[in-house]
Amino acid sequence: MTFVGARGRNDVERTIAWLQNFRRIVTRYERLAEHFLSFVQLTCLLLLLRRNKL
């Protein structure tokens, strides 16, 4: 395990806080882990697009 540092930890905590704004991610409806991971990736993509205003 490597030390991430304060900057890296802040980025991770902020990303998790952004993900908690999506009900489907907070309340896990999917039975399969692959489906849940797909929704997490889709949510991250949406956050990226919103942040960059594309």
N, C-alpha and C. Protein backbone atom coordinates (compact mmCIF):
# COMPACT_ATOMS: atom_id res chain seq x y z
N MET A 1 0.86 -1.19 0.00
CA MET A 1 0.00 0.00 0.00
C MET A 1 0.89 1.24 0.00
N THR A 2 0.59 2.17 -0.88
CA THR A 2 1.40 3.38 -0.98
C THR A 2 0.67 4.54 -0.35
N PHE A 3 1.43 5.53 0.04
CA PHE A 3 0.88 6.73 0.64
C PHE A 3 0.42 7.68 -0.46
N VAL A 4 -0.85 8.06 -0.42
CA VAL A 4 -1.41 8.91 -1.47
C VAL A 4 -1.12 10.37 -1.19
N GLY A 5 -1.20 10.78 0.05
CA GLY A 5 -0.98 12.17 0.41
C GLY A 5 -2.28 12.91 0.56
N ALA A 6 -2.19 14.12 1.05
CA ALA A 6 -3.40 14.90 1.34
C ALA A 6 -4.16 15.25 0.07
N ARG A 7 -3.47 15.59 -0.99
CA ARG A 7 -4.14 15.97 -2.24
C ARG A 7 -4.91 14.79 -2.82
N GLY A 8 -4.30 13.63 -2.86
CA GLY A 8 -4.97 12.45 -3.40
C GLY A 8 -6.15 12.03 -2.55
N ARG A 9 -6.00 12.12 -1.25
CA ARG A 9 -7.10 11.75 -0.36
C ARG A 9 -8.28 12.69 -0.53
N ASN A 10 -8.00 13.97 -0.69
CA ASN A 10 -9.06 14.95 -0.89
C ASN A 10 -9.81 14.66 -2.19
N ASP A 11 -9.11 14.29 -3.24
CA ASP A 11 -9.75 13.97 -4.51
C ASP A 11 -10.67 12.76 -4.37
N VAL A 12 -10.20 11.74 -3.66
CA VAL A 12 -11.00 10.53 -3.47
C VAL A 12 -12.24 10.83 -2.65
N GLU A 13 -12.09 11.56 -1.55
CA GLU A 13 -13.23 11.88 -0.69
C GLU A 13 -14.25 12.75 -1.42
N ARG A 14 -13.78 13.68 -2.23
CA ARG A 14 -14.69 14.54 -2.98
C ARG A 14 -15.45 13.75 -4.03
N THR A 15 -14.78 12.81 -4.69
CA THR A 15 -15.43 11.97 -5.70
C THR A 15 -16.51 11.11 -5.06
N ILE A 16 -16.22 10.53 -3.91
CA ILE A 16 -17.22 9.72 -3.20
C ILE A 16 -18.40 10.58 -2.80
N ALA A 17 -18.16 11.80 -2.36
CA ALA A 17 -19.25 12.71 -2.00
C ALA A 17 -20.12 13.02 -3.22
N TRP A 18 -19.51 13.21 -4.38
CA TRP A 18 -20.29 13.47 -5.60
C TRP A 18 -21.11 12.25 -5.98
N LEU A 19 -20.56 11.06 -5.81
CA LEU A 19 -21.29 9.84 -6.16
C LEU A 19 -22.51 9.64 -5.27
N GLN A 20 -22.46 10.16 -4.06
CA GLN A 20 -23.58 9.99 -3.14
C GLN A 20 -24.79 10.83 -3.53
N ASN A 21 -24.68 11.67 -4.52
CA ASN A 21 -25.81 12.44 -5.02
C ASN A 21 -26.70 11.62 -5.95
N PHE A 22 -26.28 10.43 -6.30
CA PHE A 22 -27.03 9.57 -7.20
C PHE A 22 -27.66 8.44 -6.42
N ARG A 23 -28.97 8.41 -6.39
CA ARG A 23 -29.71 7.44 -5.58
C ARG A 23 -29.41 6.01 -5.96
N ARG A 24 -29.25 5.76 -7.25
CA ARG A 24 -29.01 4.39 -7.70
C ARG A 24 -27.67 3.86 -7.22
N ILE A 25 -26.72 4.73 -6.99
CA ILE A 25 -25.41 4.32 -6.50
C ILE A 25 -25.46 4.14 -4.98
N VAL A 26 -26.13 5.06 -4.29
CA VAL A 26 -26.20 4.98 -2.83
C VAL A 26 -26.99 3.76 -2.40
N THR A 27 -28.15 3.54 -3.02
CA THR A 27 -28.98 2.36 -2.73
C THR A 27 -28.72 1.36 -3.83
N ARG A 28 -28.03 0.32 -3.51
CA ARG A 28 -27.61 -0.66 -4.52
C ARG A 28 -28.78 -1.58 -4.87
N TYR A 29 -29.36 -1.38 -6.06
CA TYR A 29 -30.48 -2.18 -6.52
C TYR A 29 -30.03 -3.42 -7.29
N GLU A 30 -28.85 -3.38 -7.87
CA GLU A 30 -28.39 -4.46 -8.72
C GLU A 30 -27.93 -5.65 -7.89
N ARG A 31 -28.22 -6.83 -8.38
CA ARG A 31 -27.77 -8.04 -7.71
C ARG A 31 -26.35 -8.41 -8.10
N LEU A 32 -26.00 -8.11 -9.33
CA LEU A 32 -24.68 -8.47 -9.83
C LEU A 32 -23.70 -7.31 -9.65
N ALA A 33 -22.50 -7.64 -9.23
CA ALA A 33 -21.47 -6.62 -9.02
C ALA A 33 -21.10 -5.93 -10.33
N GLU A 34 -21.15 -6.67 -11.43
CA GLU A 34 -20.81 -6.08 -12.73
C GLU A 34 -21.78 -4.96 -13.11
N HIS A 35 -23.05 -5.14 -12.81
CA HIS A 35 -24.04 -4.12 -13.11
C HIS A 35 -23.82 -2.89 -12.23
N PHE A 36 -23.53 -3.12 -10.97
CA PHE A 36 -23.28 -2.00 -10.06
C PHE A 36 -22.05 -1.21 -10.52
N LEU A 37 -20.99 -1.92 -10.87
CA LEU A 37 -19.78 -1.26 -11.35
C LEU A 37 -20.06 -0.46 -12.62
N SER A 38 -20.91 -0.98 -13.49
CA SER A 38 -21.27 -0.26 -14.71
C SER A 38 -21.97 1.05 -14.38
N PHE A 39 -22.87 1.03 -13.40
CA PHE A 39 -23.55 2.26 -13.02
C PHE A 39 -22.61 3.25 -12.34
N VAL A 40 -21.65 2.75 -11.58
CA VAL A 40 -20.66 3.65 -10.98
C VAL A 40 -19.83 4.31 -12.08
N GLN A 41 -19.42 3.55 -13.08
CA GLN A 41 -18.65 4.11 -14.19
C GLN A 41 -19.48 5.12 -14.99
N LEU A 42 -20.74 4.80 -15.22
CA LEU A 42 -21.62 5.73 -15.93
C LEU A 42 -21.80 7.02 -15.13
N THR A 43 -21.94 6.90 -13.84
CA THR A 43 -22.09 8.07 -12.98
C THR A 43 -20.83 8.93 -13.02
N CYS A 44 -19.67 8.29 -12.98
CA CYS A 44 -18.42 9.05 -13.07
C CYS A 44 -18.31 9.77 -14.40
N LEU A 45 -18.76 9.13 -15.46
CA LEU A 45 -18.76 9.77 -16.77
C LEU A 45 -19.67 10.99 -16.78
N LEU A 46 -20.86 10.86 -16.19
CA LEU A 46 -21.78 11.99 -16.11
C LEU A 46 -21.18 13.14 -15.30
N LEU A 47 -20.53 12.81 -14.21
CA LEU A 47 -19.88 13.85 -13.39
C LEU A 47 -18.79 14.55 -14.19
N LEU A 48 -18.01 13.78 -14.93
CA LEU A 48 -16.95 14.36 -15.75
C LEU A 48 -17.51 15.30 -16.81
N LEU A 49 -18.59 14.87 -17.46
CA LEU A 49 -19.21 15.69 -18.50
C LEU A 49 -19.81 16.97 -17.90
N ARG A 50 -20.44 16.86 -16.75
CA ARG A 50 -21.00 18.03 -16.10
C ARG A 50 -19.92 19.00 -15.66
N ARG A 51 -18.83 18.46 -15.15
CA ARG A 51 -17.76 19.31 -14.65
C ARG A 51 -17.08 20.07 -15.79
N ASN A 52 -16.92 19.41 -16.93
CA ASN A 52 -16.28 20.03 -18.08
C ASN A 52 -17.28 20.73 -19.00
N LYS A 53 -18.56 20.62 -18.68
CA LYS A 53 -19.64 21.27 -19.44
C LYS A 53 -19.59 20.93 -20.92
N LEU A 54 -19.48 19.64 -21.21
CA LEU A 54 -19.46 19.19 -22.60
C LEU A 54 -20.84 18.82 -23.05
